[in-house]
Each structure stands twice: as structure tokens, then as C-alpha cells.
Amino acid sequence: MRKFGGYRGRRRKKVDRFQADKTLVIDYKDPSVLKYFVTERGKIVPRRVSGLTAKNQRRVTQAIKRARMVALMPFTTVKAH
């Protein structure tokens, strides 16, 4: 019996969406593509979760920040109490 619970099975390899589908372009003017890389609270999803390459993660992060500055995406969501 294991002392600490955990899953030791094989996980599916995450695939970079922009390398799999060449028609997708990282562009700050297209928030519909960028919304998949932002949590519902407004945080940018890390690379280990999104499965992007390091280069594409940097490009997506920059695009999200630019989209926020020109008010195409929100910085945060309103927290309801």
C-alpha cells in the first residue's frame, strides 16, 4: 500500500496548438485564440499546463499583454462576494 496517493500511469503528451495547426497565428488582435491561454481569473496559463513550446509561450504571453493594453482582453475578472 502506498503512503502517498498518486497516479503513475502514462500521460498524454501535450501538443503545441500552433505547431499542430499552421493556420492559427499568434496575434494580439485575435483574443478568441488567446483566451485558451488565460484562466477564468485572468492569469496566463504556464507552459507546463498549456503544452506550448518555449518560443510560442513567450509570443502568446506578449500577445496577451498587448491585447490587455488595448482593452481587447481583461486584466482580471470581477470577484463576486
N, C-alpha and C. Protein backbone atom coordinates (compact mmCIF):
# COMPACT_ATOMS: atom_id res chain seq x y z
N MET A 1 0.83 -1.18 0.00
CA MET A 1 0.00 0.00 0.00
C MET A 1 0.88 1.25 0.00
N ARG A 2 0.55 2.19 -0.85
CA ARG A 2 1.33 3.42 -0.94
C ARG A 2 0.95 4.38 0.17
N LYS A 3 1.97 5.04 0.66
CA LYS A 3 1.74 6.01 1.71
C LYS A 3 1.11 7.29 1.14
N PHE A 4 1.61 7.70 -0.04
CA PHE A 4 1.09 8.91 -0.67
C PHE A 4 0.36 8.53 -1.95
N GLY A 5 -0.84 9.05 -2.11
CA GLY A 5 -1.63 8.74 -3.31
C GLY A 5 -1.03 9.41 -4.53
N GLY A 6 -1.31 8.86 -5.66
CA GLY A 6 -0.80 9.46 -6.88
C GLY A 6 -1.08 8.56 -8.07
N TYR A 7 -0.99 9.14 -9.24
CA TYR A 7 -1.24 8.40 -10.46
C TYR A 7 0.08 8.18 -11.17
N ARG A 8 0.43 6.92 -11.42
CA ARG A 8 1.71 6.62 -12.05
C ARG A 8 1.57 6.16 -13.49
N GLY A 9 0.40 6.33 -14.08
CA GLY A 9 0.18 5.92 -15.47
C GLY A 9 0.84 6.88 -16.45
N ARG A 10 0.80 6.51 -17.70
CA ARG A 10 1.37 7.37 -18.74
C ARG A 10 0.38 8.47 -19.09
N ARG A 11 0.89 9.68 -19.15
CA ARG A 11 0.04 10.80 -19.52
C ARG A 11 0.18 11.09 -21.00
N ARG A 12 -0.87 11.66 -21.58
CA ARG A 12 -0.83 12.03 -22.97
C ARG A 12 0.06 13.25 -23.15
N LYS A 13 0.91 13.20 -24.15
CA LYS A 13 1.82 14.32 -24.41
C LYS A 13 1.03 15.53 -24.87
N LYS A 14 1.31 16.69 -24.27
CA LYS A 14 0.63 17.90 -24.69
C LYS A 14 1.23 18.36 -26.01
N VAL A 15 0.39 18.87 -26.86
CA VAL A 15 0.82 19.29 -28.19
C VAL A 15 0.65 20.80 -28.32
N ASP A 16 1.65 21.43 -28.91
CA ASP A 16 1.59 22.86 -29.18
C ASP A 16 0.54 23.10 -30.26
N ARG A 17 -0.49 23.87 -29.93
CA ARG A 17 -1.59 24.12 -30.87
C ARG A 17 -1.13 24.82 -32.13
N PHE A 18 -0.13 25.69 -31.99
CA PHE A 18 0.32 26.48 -33.13
C PHE A 18 1.23 25.69 -34.06
N GLN A 19 1.85 24.63 -33.57
CA GLN A 19 2.64 23.77 -34.45
C GLN A 19 1.76 22.71 -35.09
N ALA A 20 0.71 22.29 -34.40
CA ALA A 20 -0.19 21.28 -34.95
C ALA A 20 -1.08 21.87 -36.05
N ASP A 21 -1.56 23.09 -35.85
CA ASP A 21 -2.44 23.74 -36.81
C ASP A 21 -1.74 25.00 -37.33
N LYS A 22 -1.20 24.92 -38.52
CA LYS A 22 -0.41 26.03 -39.08
C LYS A 22 -1.27 27.24 -39.45
N THR A 23 -2.60 27.07 -39.49
CA THR A 23 -3.45 28.21 -39.82
C THR A 23 -3.63 29.15 -38.63
N LEU A 24 -3.41 28.66 -37.40
CA LEU A 24 -3.51 29.51 -36.21
C LEU A 24 -2.31 30.44 -36.15
N VAL A 25 -2.56 31.69 -35.86
CA VAL A 25 -1.50 32.68 -35.77
C VAL A 25 -1.59 33.36 -34.40
N ILE A 26 -0.44 33.57 -33.79
CA ILE A 26 -0.40 34.29 -32.51
C ILE A 26 -0.46 35.78 -32.82
N ASP A 27 -1.60 36.40 -32.50
CA ASP A 27 -1.79 37.81 -32.80
C ASP A 27 -2.61 38.44 -31.68
N TYR A 28 -2.16 39.58 -31.19
CA TYR A 28 -2.87 40.22 -30.08
C TYR A 28 -4.24 40.72 -30.50
N LYS A 29 -4.47 40.90 -31.80
CA LYS A 29 -5.77 41.40 -32.27
C LYS A 29 -6.83 40.30 -32.36
N ASP A 30 -6.47 39.07 -32.00
CA ASP A 30 -7.40 37.94 -32.07
C ASP A 30 -7.56 37.31 -30.69
N PRO A 31 -8.36 37.91 -29.81
CA PRO A 31 -8.50 37.39 -28.45
C PRO A 31 -9.18 36.03 -28.37
N SER A 32 -9.89 35.62 -29.43
CA SER A 32 -10.55 34.32 -29.40
C SER A 32 -9.53 33.19 -29.36
N VAL A 33 -8.36 33.38 -29.95
CA VAL A 33 -7.29 32.38 -29.89
C VAL A 33 -6.58 32.46 -28.55
N LEU A 34 -6.39 33.66 -28.05
CA LEU A 34 -5.62 33.86 -26.81
C LEU A 34 -6.39 33.45 -25.56
N LYS A 35 -7.72 33.39 -25.63
CA LYS A 35 -8.50 33.09 -24.42
C LYS A 35 -8.23 31.70 -23.87
N TYR A 36 -7.72 30.77 -24.71
CA TYR A 36 -7.41 29.43 -24.25
C TYR A 36 -6.18 29.39 -23.35
N PHE A 37 -5.42 30.46 -23.35
CA PHE A 37 -4.18 30.50 -22.57
C PHE A 37 -4.29 31.43 -21.37
N VAL A 38 -5.54 31.77 -20.99
CA VAL A 38 -5.79 32.61 -19.83
C VAL A 38 -6.84 31.91 -18.97
N THR A 39 -6.63 31.88 -17.65
CA THR A 39 -7.60 31.26 -16.75
C THR A 39 -8.82 32.16 -16.62
N GLU A 40 -9.86 31.64 -15.97
CA GLU A 40 -11.07 32.44 -15.78
C GLU A 40 -10.81 33.62 -14.84
N ARG A 41 -9.75 33.54 -14.04
CA ARG A 41 -9.39 34.66 -13.17
C ARG A 41 -8.51 35.69 -13.87
N GLY A 42 -8.05 35.37 -15.09
CA GLY A 42 -7.25 36.33 -15.85
C GLY A 42 -5.76 36.05 -15.84
N LYS A 43 -5.35 34.95 -15.23
CA LYS A 43 -3.92 34.63 -15.19
C LYS A 43 -3.50 33.90 -16.47
N ILE A 44 -2.27 34.13 -16.90
CA ILE A 44 -1.73 33.46 -18.07
C ILE A 44 -1.34 32.04 -17.67
N VAL A 45 -1.78 31.06 -18.45
CA VAL A 45 -1.54 29.65 -18.15
C VAL A 45 -0.06 29.35 -18.38
N PRO A 46 0.61 28.64 -17.45
CA PRO A 46 2.03 28.33 -17.64
C PRO A 46 2.27 27.31 -18.75
N ARG A 47 3.50 27.26 -19.19
CA ARG A 47 3.88 26.42 -20.32
C ARG A 47 3.67 24.94 -20.02
N ARG A 48 3.94 24.52 -18.80
CA ARG A 48 3.79 23.09 -18.46
C ARG A 48 2.33 22.65 -18.51
N VAL A 49 1.41 23.59 -18.40
CA VAL A 49 -0.02 23.28 -18.48
C VAL A 49 -0.53 23.41 -19.92
N SER A 50 -0.10 24.48 -20.59
CA SER A 50 -0.61 24.74 -21.94
C SER A 50 0.01 23.81 -22.99
N GLY A 51 1.23 23.35 -22.76
CA GLY A 51 1.87 22.46 -23.71
C GLY A 51 2.56 23.18 -24.85
N LEU A 52 2.68 24.49 -24.77
CA LEU A 52 3.33 25.25 -25.83
C LEU A 52 4.85 25.10 -25.76
N THR A 53 5.51 25.35 -26.88
CA THR A 53 6.97 25.41 -26.86
C THR A 53 7.36 26.71 -26.15
N ALA A 54 8.61 26.80 -25.73
CA ALA A 54 9.07 27.98 -25.00
C ALA A 54 8.94 29.24 -25.86
N LYS A 55 9.27 29.12 -27.13
CA LYS A 55 9.19 30.26 -28.04
C LYS A 55 7.75 30.72 -28.21
N ASN A 56 6.84 29.78 -28.42
CA ASN A 56 5.44 30.14 -28.59
C ASN A 56 4.82 30.65 -27.30
N GLN A 57 5.27 30.13 -26.15
CA GLN A 57 4.76 30.63 -24.87
C GLN A 57 5.13 32.09 -24.69
N ARG A 58 6.35 32.45 -25.05
CA ARG A 58 6.77 33.85 -24.96
C ARG A 58 5.94 34.73 -25.89
N ARG A 59 5.68 34.24 -27.09
CA ARG A 59 4.89 35.00 -28.07
C ARG A 59 3.45 35.17 -27.61
N VAL A 60 2.87 34.10 -27.03
CA VAL A 60 1.48 34.17 -26.53
C VAL A 60 1.40 35.13 -25.35
N THR A 61 2.37 35.06 -24.44
CA THR A 61 2.39 35.96 -23.28
C THR A 61 2.45 37.41 -23.73
N GLN A 62 3.32 37.70 -24.68
CA GLN A 62 3.44 39.06 -25.19
C GLN A 62 2.14 39.51 -25.87
N ALA A 63 1.52 38.61 -26.62
CA ALA A 63 0.27 38.95 -27.30
C ALA A 63 -0.85 39.22 -26.30
N ILE A 64 -0.91 38.42 -25.22
CA ILE A 64 -1.94 38.64 -24.19
C ILE A 64 -1.74 39.99 -23.52
N LYS A 65 -0.49 40.33 -23.20
CA LYS A 65 -0.21 41.61 -22.55
C LYS A 65 -0.57 42.77 -23.48
N ARG A 66 -0.29 42.63 -24.77
CA ARG A 66 -0.64 43.68 -25.72
C ARG A 66 -2.15 43.81 -25.87
N ALA A 67 -2.85 42.67 -25.90
CA ALA A 67 -4.31 42.70 -26.01
C ALA A 67 -4.94 43.35 -24.78
N ARG A 68 -4.33 43.15 -23.62
CA ARG A 68 -4.83 43.80 -22.41
C ARG A 68 -4.64 45.31 -22.48
N MET A 69 -3.49 45.74 -23.01
CA MET A 69 -3.20 47.18 -23.05
C MET A 69 -4.14 47.93 -23.99
N VAL A 70 -4.58 47.29 -25.06
CA VAL A 70 -5.52 47.96 -25.97
C VAL A 70 -6.96 47.55 -25.69
N ALA A 71 -7.20 46.99 -24.51
CA ALA A 71 -8.54 46.68 -23.99
C ALA A 71 -9.29 45.65 -24.82
N LEU A 72 -8.58 44.70 -25.42
CA LEU A 72 -9.25 43.59 -26.11
C LEU A 72 -9.48 42.41 -25.17
N MET A 73 -8.68 42.36 -24.10
CA MET A 73 -8.83 41.32 -23.08
C MET A 73 -8.78 41.99 -21.71
N PRO A 74 -9.49 41.41 -20.73
CA PRO A 74 -9.46 42.00 -19.39
C PRO A 74 -8.18 41.61 -18.63
N PHE A 75 -7.74 42.48 -17.73
CA PHE A 75 -6.62 42.15 -16.86
C PHE A 75 -7.05 41.09 -15.84
N THR A 76 -8.20 41.32 -15.21
CA THR A 76 -8.76 40.37 -14.25
C THR A 76 -10.28 40.34 -14.42
N THR A 77 -10.88 39.39 -13.73
CA THR A 77 -12.34 39.34 -13.71
C THR A 77 -12.82 39.93 -12.39
N VAL A 78 -14.06 40.34 -12.36
CA VAL A 78 -14.63 40.92 -11.15
C VAL A 78 -14.97 39.78 -10.20
N LYS A 79 -14.47 39.87 -8.98
CA LYS A 79 -14.72 38.84 -7.98
C LYS A 79 -16.01 39.16 -7.25
N ALA A 80 -16.97 38.25 -7.31
CA ALA A 80 -18.26 38.45 -6.65
C ALA A 80 -18.22 37.84 -5.25
N HIS A 81 -18.70 38.57 -4.27
CA HIS A 81 -18.75 38.07 -2.90
C HIS A 81 -20.12 37.60 -2.56
